[in-house]
Amino acid sequence: MKHHTVILPFVLPRLTDKAASQFIELLRAILDATEHHYAAQVHRYHQRQREIRYDRTAPPSTLTDNPF
């Protein structure tokens, strides 16, 4: 999982070390539950994205045309 720096529009309160640890554990549990709930949809989305074929070659008529 990549870490991202986010500028929050508010200041988070100072927590004790234990409270901060418990808060992070809670957030991770929520994230895990959310990922589990939507896993099938995310898998289908990524599968469709892999199946999209982008044609990056020039049309055949332009390959044989002399540009000069």
PDB file of N, CA and C in Angstrom:
ATOM      1  N   MET A   1       0.839  -1.166   0.000  1.00  0.00           N
ATOM      2  CA  MET A   1       0.000   0.000   0.000  1.00  0.00           C
ATOM      3  C   MET A   1       0.892   1.238   0.000  1.00  0.00           C
ATOM      4  N   LYS A   2       0.618   2.142  -0.916  1.00  0.00           N
ATOM      5  CA  LYS A   2       1.407   3.363  -0.992  1.00  0.00           C
ATOM      6  C   LYS A   2       0.930   4.368   0.050  1.00  0.00           C
ATOM      7  N   HIS A   3       1.862   5.088   0.600  1.00  0.00           N
ATOM      8  CA  HIS A   3       1.523   6.139   1.546  1.00  0.00           C
ATOM      9  C   HIS A   3       1.439   7.460   0.810  1.00  0.00           C
ATOM     10  N   HIS A   4       0.430   8.238   1.135  1.00  0.00           N
ATOM     11  CA  HIS A   4       0.226   9.530   0.501  1.00  0.00           C
ATOM     12  C   HIS A   4       0.169  10.609   1.574  1.00  0.00           C
ATOM     13  N   THR A   5       0.724  11.746   1.270  1.00  0.00           N
ATOM     14  CA  THR A   5       0.608  12.885   2.153  1.00  0.00           C
ATOM     15  C   THR A   5      -0.647  13.648   1.772  1.00  0.00           C
ATOM     16  N   VAL A   6      -1.482  13.905   2.753  1.00  0.00           N
ATOM     17  CA  VAL A   6      -2.738  14.597   2.508  1.00  0.00           C
ATOM     18  C   VAL A   6      -2.804  15.807   3.424  1.00  0.00           C
ATOM     19  N   ILE A   7      -3.186  16.921   2.868  1.00  0.00           N
ATOM     20  CA  ILE A   7      -3.378  18.117   3.679  1.00  0.00           C
ATOM     21  C   ILE A   7      -4.831  18.125   4.130  1.00  0.00           C
ATOM     22  N   LEU A   8      -5.034  18.012   5.429  1.00  0.00           N
ATOM     23  CA  LEU A   8      -6.390  17.979   5.960  1.00  0.00           C
ATOM     24  C   LEU A   8      -6.884  19.398   6.201  1.00  0.00           C
ATOM     25  N   PRO A   9      -8.157  19.635   5.961  1.00  0.00           N
ATOM     26  CA  PRO A   9      -8.691  20.976   6.176  1.00  0.00           C
ATOM     27  C   PRO A   9      -8.918  21.290   7.653  1.00  0.00           C
ATOM     28  N   PHE A  10      -8.515  20.387   8.522  1.00  0.00           N
ATOM     29  CA  PHE A  10      -8.658  20.612   9.956  1.00  0.00           C
ATOM     30  C   PHE A  10      -7.455  20.000  10.666  1.00  0.00           C
ATOM     31  N   VAL A  11      -7.273  20.362  11.894  1.00  0.00           N
ATOM     32  CA  VAL A  11      -6.145  19.858  12.673  1.00  0.00           C
ATOM     33  C   VAL A  11      -6.642  18.717  13.553  1.00  0.00           C
ATOM     34  N   LEU A  12      -5.985  17.586  13.451  1.00  0.00           N
ATOM     35  CA  LEU A  12      -6.365  16.447  14.283  1.00  0.00           C
ATOM     36  C   LEU A  12      -5.921  16.694  15.718  1.00  0.00           C
ATOM     37  N   PRO A  13      -6.687  16.209  16.675  1.00  0.00           N
ATOM     38  CA  PRO A  13      -6.300  16.423  18.076  1.00  0.00           C
ATOM     39  C   PRO A  13      -5.073  15.600  18.441  1.00  0.00           C
ATOM     40  N   ARG A  14      -4.354  16.054  19.409  1.00  0.00           N
ATOM     41  CA  ARG A  14      -3.215  15.297  19.927  1.00  0.00           C
ATOM     42  C   ARG A  14      -3.752  14.110  20.707  1.00  0.00           C
ATOM     43  N   LEU A  15      -3.171  12.950  20.487  1.00  0.00           N
ATOM     44  CA  LEU A  15      -3.598  11.736  21.173  1.00  0.00           C
ATOM     45  C   LEU A  15      -2.422  11.137  21.925  1.00  0.00           C
ATOM     46  N   THR A  16      -2.745  10.341  22.920  1.00  0.00           N
ATOM     47  CA  THR A  16      -1.689   9.585  23.585  1.00  0.00           C
ATOM     48  C   THR A  16      -1.197   8.529  22.606  1.00  0.00           C
ATOM     49  N   ASP A  17      -0.047   7.962  22.890  1.00  0.00           N
ATOM     50  CA  ASP A  17       0.496   6.923  22.006  1.00  0.00           C
ATOM     51  C   ASP A  17      -0.483   5.755  21.874  1.00  0.00           C
ATOM     52  N   LYS A  18      -1.070   5.356  22.994  1.00  0.00           N
ATOM     53  CA  LYS A  18      -2.010   4.232  22.972  1.00  0.00           C
ATOM     54  C   LYS A  18      -3.253   4.585  22.153  1.00  0.00           C
ATOM     55  N   ALA A  19      -3.791   5.773  22.362  1.00  0.00           N
ATOM     56  CA  ALA A  19      -4.987   6.189  21.633  1.00  0.00           C
ATOM     57  C   ALA A  19      -4.697   6.299  20.137  1.00  0.00           C
ATOM     58  N   ALA A  20      -3.532   6.826  19.775  1.00  0.00           N
ATOM     59  CA  ALA A  20      -3.162   6.934  18.365  1.00  0.00           C
ATOM     60  C   ALA A  20      -3.062   5.548  17.735  1.00  0.00           C
ATOM     61  N   SER A  21      -2.462   4.619  18.458  1.00  0.00           N
ATOM     62  CA  SER A  21      -2.337   3.249  17.964  1.00  0.00           C
ATOM     63  C   SER A  21      -3.707   2.610  17.772  1.00  0.00           C
ATOM     64  N   GLN A  22      -4.600   2.796  18.749  1.00  0.00           N
ATOM     65  CA  GLN A  22      -5.946   2.234  18.642  1.00  0.00           C
ATOM     66  C   GLN A  22      -6.728   2.885  17.496  1.00  0.00           C
ATOM     67  N   PHE A  23      -6.535   4.173  17.300  1.00  0.00           N
ATOM     68  CA  PHE A  23      -7.223   4.882  16.219  1.00  0.00           C
ATOM     69  C   PHE A  23      -6.788   4.343  14.859  1.00  0.00           C
ATOM     70  N   ILE A  24      -5.477   4.135  14.687  1.00  0.00           N
ATOM     71  CA  ILE A  24      -4.961   3.587  13.431  1.00  0.00           C
ATOM     72  C   ILE A  24      -5.485   2.167  13.219  1.00  0.00           C
ATOM     73  N   GLU A  25      -5.532   1.372  14.286  1.00  0.00           N
ATOM     74  CA  GLU A  25      -6.085   0.014  14.171  1.00  0.00           C
ATOM     75  C   GLU A  25      -7.547   0.057  13.745  1.00  0.00           C
ATOM     76  N   LEU A  26      -8.325   0.997  14.284  1.00  0.00           N
ATOM     77  CA  LEU A  26      -9.719   1.146  13.899  1.00  0.00           C
ATOM     78  C   LEU A  26      -9.843   1.524  12.427  1.00  0.00           C
ATOM     79  N   LEU A  27      -9.047   2.485  11.984  1.00  0.00           N
ATOM     80  CA  LEU A  27      -9.089   2.892  10.576  1.00  0.00           C
ATOM     81  C   LEU A  27      -8.718   1.739   9.656  1.00  0.00           C
ATOM     82  N   ARG A  28      -7.714   0.966  10.032  1.00  0.00           N
ATOM     83  CA  ARG A  28      -7.320  -0.187   9.212  1.00  0.00           C
ATOM     84  C   ARG A  28      -8.422  -1.244   9.174  1.00  0.00           C
ATOM     85  N   ALA A  29      -9.107  -1.452  10.296  1.00  0.00           N
ATOM     86  CA  ALA A  29     -10.210  -2.422  10.329  1.00  0.00           C
ATOM     87  C   ALA A  29     -11.342  -1.965   9.411  1.00  0.00           C
ATOM     88  N   ILE A  30     -11.641  -0.668   9.432  1.00  0.00           N
ATOM     89  CA  ILE A  30     -12.682  -0.136   8.548  1.00  0.00           C
ATOM     90  C   ILE A  30     -12.260  -0.298   7.090  1.00  0.00           C
ATOM     91  N   LEU A  31     -10.998   0.017   6.783  1.00  0.00           N
ATOM     92  CA  LEU A  31     -10.500  -0.131   5.416  1.00  0.00           C
ATOM     93  C   LEU A  31     -10.551  -1.593   4.973  1.00  0.00           C
ATOM     94  N   ASP A  32     -10.122  -2.513   5.835  1.00  0.00           N
ATOM     95  CA  ASP A  32     -10.159  -3.941   5.488  1.00  0.00           C
ATOM     96  C   ASP A  32     -11.585  -4.407   5.213  1.00  0.00           C
ATOM     97  N   ALA A  33     -12.538  -3.986   6.038  1.00  0.00           N
ATOM     98  CA  ALA A  33     -13.933  -4.375   5.849  1.00  0.00           C
ATOM     99  C   ALA A  33     -14.468  -3.808   4.534  1.00  0.00           C
ATOM    100  N   THR A  34     -14.103  -2.569   4.226  1.00  0.00           N
ATOM    101  CA  THR A  34     -14.554  -1.933   2.993  1.00  0.00           C
ATOM    102  C   THR A  34     -13.962  -2.637   1.784  1.00  0.00           C
ATOM    103  N   GLU A  35     -12.662  -2.934   1.829  1.00  0.00           N
ATOM    104  CA  GLU A  35     -12.022  -3.639   0.718  1.00  0.00           C
ATOM    105  C   GLU A  35     -12.642  -5.022   0.522  1.00  0.00           C
ATOM    106  N   HIS A  36     -12.942  -5.712   1.618  1.00  0.00           N
ATOM    107  CA  HIS A  36     -13.555  -7.041   1.522  1.00  0.00           C
ATOM    108  C   HIS A  36     -14.947  -6.934   0.889  1.00  0.00           C
ATOM    109  N   HIS A  37     -15.709  -5.930   1.289  1.00  0.00           N
ATOM    110  CA  HIS A  37     -17.068  -5.755   0.784  1.00  0.00           C
ATOM    111  C   HIS A  37     -17.086  -5.480  -0.721  1.00  0.00           C
ATOM    112  N   TYR A  38     -16.149  -4.670  -1.195  1.00  0.00           N
ATOM    113  CA  TYR A  38     -16.129  -4.272  -2.598  1.00  0.00           C
ATOM    114  C   TYR A  38     -15.120  -5.048  -3.444  1.00  0.00           C
ATOM    115  N   ALA A  39     -14.527  -6.097  -2.917  1.00  0.00           N
ATOM    116  CA  ALA A  39     -13.460  -6.819  -3.612  1.00  0.00           C
ATOM    117  C   ALA A  39     -13.892  -7.332  -4.988  1.00  0.00           C
ATOM    118  N   ALA A  40     -15.073  -7.908  -5.089  1.00  0.00           N
ATOM    119  CA  ALA A  40     -15.528  -8.456  -6.377  1.00  0.00           C
ATOM    120  C   ALA A  40     -15.675  -7.349  -7.418  1.00  0.00           C
ATOM    121  N   GLN A  41     -16.216  -6.193  -7.018  1.00  0.00           N
ATOM    122  CA  GLN A  41     -16.376  -5.085  -7.952  1.00  0.00           C
ATOM    123  C   GLN A  41     -15.029  -4.536  -8.395  1.00  0.00           C
ATOM    124  N   VAL A  42     -14.109  -4.403  -7.467  1.00  0.00           N
ATOM    125  CA  VAL A  42     -12.778  -3.900  -7.806  1.00  0.00           C
ATOM    126  C   VAL A  42     -12.084  -4.860  -8.757  1.00  0.00           C
ATOM    127  N   HIS A  43     -12.229  -6.151  -8.504  1.00  0.00           N
ATOM    128  CA  HIS A  43     -11.630  -7.161  -9.387  1.00  0.00           C
ATOM    129  C   HIS A  43     -12.208  -7.050 -10.798  1.00  0.00           C
ATOM    130  N   ARG A  44     -13.546  -6.932 -10.908  1.00  0.00           N
ATOM    131  CA  ARG A  44     -14.163  -6.793 -12.227  1.00  0.00           C
ATOM    132  C   ARG A  44     -13.679  -5.534 -12.940  1.00  0.00           C
ATOM    133  N   TYR A  45     -13.557  -4.435 -12.218  1.00  0.00           N
ATOM    134  CA  TYR A  45     -13.093  -3.183 -12.819  1.00  0.00           C
ATOM    135  C   TYR A  45     -11.687  -3.341 -13.385  1.00  0.00           C
ATOM    136  N   HIS A  46     -10.786  -3.900 -12.581  1.00  0.00           N
ATOM    137  CA  HIS A  46      -9.401  -4.064 -13.044  1.00  0.00           C
ATOM    138  C   HIS A  46      -9.313  -5.053 -14.203  1.00  0.00           C
ATOM    139  N   GLN A  47     -10.148  -6.089 -14.180  1.00  0.00           N
ATOM    140  CA  GLN A  47     -10.168  -7.047 -15.283  1.00  0.00           C
ATOM    141  C   GLN A  47     -10.595  -6.357 -16.576  1.00  0.00           C
ATOM    142  N   ARG A  48     -11.642  -5.530 -16.520  1.00  0.00           N
ATOM    143  CA  ARG A  48     -12.085  -4.803 -17.715  1.00  0.00           C
ATOM    144  C   ARG A  48     -11.021  -3.841 -18.205  1.00  0.00           C
ATOM    145  N   GLN A  49     -10.304  -3.198 -17.288  1.00  0.00           N
ATOM    146  CA  GLN A  49      -9.253  -2.268 -17.697  1.00  0.00           C
ATOM    147  C   GLN A  49      -8.120  -2.997 -18.418  1.00  0.00           C
ATOM    148  N   ARG A  50      -7.806  -4.220 -17.989  1.00  0.00           N
ATOM    149  CA  ARG A  50      -6.762  -4.996 -18.658  1.00  0.00           C
ATOM    150  C   ARG A  50      -7.209  -5.462 -20.039  1.00  0.00           C
ATOM    151  N   GLU A  51      -8.515  -5.673 -20.210  1.00  0.00           N
ATOM    152  CA  GLU A  51      -9.031  -6.176 -21.480  1.00  0.00           C
ATOM    153  C   GLU A  51      -9.145  -5.097 -22.546  1.00  0.00           C
ATOM    154  N   ILE A  52      -9.116  -3.843 -22.166  1.00  0.00           N
ATOM    155  CA  ILE A  52      -9.212  -2.756 -23.146  1.00  0.00           C
ATOM    156  C   ILE A  52      -7.942  -2.760 -23.985  1.00  0.00           C
ATOM    157  N   ARG A  53      -8.123  -2.794 -25.277  1.00  0.00           N
ATOM    158  CA  ARG A  53      -6.979  -2.799 -26.174  1.00  0.00           C
ATOM    159  C   ARG A  53      -6.885  -1.436 -26.840  1.00  0.00           C
ATOM    160  N   TYR A  54      -5.748  -0.820 -26.717  1.00  0.00           N
ATOM    161  CA  TYR A  54      -5.530   0.477 -27.330  1.00  0.00           C
ATOM    162  C   TYR A  54      -4.745   0.276 -28.618  1.00  0.00           C
ATOM    163  N   ASP A  55      -5.305   0.703 -29.732  1.00  0.00           N
ATOM    164  CA  ASP A  55      -4.642   0.581 -31.021  1.00  0.00           C
ATOM    165  C   ASP A  55      -3.710   1.767 -31.189  1.00  0.00           C
ATOM    166  N   ARG A  56      -2.426   1.541 -31.046  1.00  0.00           N
ATOM    167  CA  ARG A  56      -1.449   2.624 -31.110  1.00  0.00           C
ATOM    168  C   ARG A  56      -0.683   2.626 -32.433  1.00  0.00           C
ATOM    169  N   THR A  57      -1.093   1.805 -33.378  1.00  0.00           N
ATOM    170  CA  THR A  57      -0.412   1.777 -34.673  1.00  0.00           C
ATOM    171  C   THR A  57      -1.133   2.710 -35.643  1.00  0.00           C
ATOM    172  N   ALA A  58      -0.413   3.198 -36.608  1.00  0.00           N
ATOM    173  CA  ALA A  58      -1.007   4.076 -37.620  1.00  0.00           C
ATOM    174  C   ALA A  58      -1.875   3.251 -38.544  1.00  0.00           C
ATOM    175  N   PRO A  59      -2.898   3.853 -39.122  1.00  0.00           N
ATOM    176  CA  PRO A  59      -3.731   3.119 -40.093  1.00  0.00           C
ATOM    177  C   PRO A  59      -2.878   2.608 -41.250  1.00  0.00           C
ATOM    178  N   PRO A  60      -3.222   1.478 -41.839  1.00  0.00           N
ATOM    179  CA  PRO A  60      -2.407   0.878 -42.906  1.00  0.00           C
ATOM    180  C   PRO A  60      -2.163   1.795 -44.098  1.00  0.00           C
ATOM    181  N   SER A  61      -3.119   2.633 -44.450  1.00  0.00           N
ATOM    182  CA  SER A  61      -2.936   3.494 -45.627  1.00  0.00           C
ATOM    183  C   SER A  61      -1.813   4.508 -45.422  1.00  0.00           C
ATOM    184  N   THR A  62      -1.593   4.946 -44.212  1.00  0.00           N
ATOM    185  CA  THR A  62      -0.542   5.945 -43.974  1.00  0.00           C
ATOM    186  C   THR A  62       0.846   5.316 -43.876  1.00  0.00           C
ATOM    187  N   LEU A  63       0.882   4.008 -43.666  1.00  0.00           N
ATOM    188  CA  LEU A  63       2.193   3.360 -43.575  1.00  0.00           C
ATOM    189  C   LEU A  63       2.873   3.259 -44.942  1.00  0.00           C
ATOM    190  N   THR A  64       2.091   3.167 -46.008  1.00  0.00           N
ATOM    191  CA  THR A  64       2.676   3.020 -47.339  1.00  0.00           C
ATOM    192  C   THR A  64       2.735   4.325 -48.110  1.00  0.00           C
ATOM    193  N   ASP A  65       2.070   5.365 -47.636  1.00  0.00           N
ATOM    194  CA  ASP A  65       2.088   6.653 -48.330  1.00  0.00           C
ATOM    195  C   ASP A  65       3.452   7.319 -48.189  1.00  0.00           C
ATOM    196  N   ASN A  66       3.923   7.899 -49.276  1.00  0.00           N
ATOM    197  CA  ASN A  66       5.170   8.633 -49.237  1.00  0.00           C
ATOM    198  C   ASN A  66       4.853  10.081 -48.825  1.00  0.00           C
ATOM    199  N   PRO A  67       5.396  10.538 -47.698  1.00  0.00           N
ATOM    200  CA  PRO A  67       5.046  11.872 -47.229  1.00  0.00           C
ATOM    201  C   PRO A  67       5.658  12.988 -48.068  1.00  0.00           C
ATOM    202  N   PHE A  68       6.578  12.680 -48.996  1.00  0.00           N
ATOM    203  CA  PHE A  68       7.250  13.727 -49.765  1.00  0.00           C
ATOM    204  C   PHE A  68       6.774  13.769 -51.167  1.00  0.00           C
TER     205      PHE A  68
END
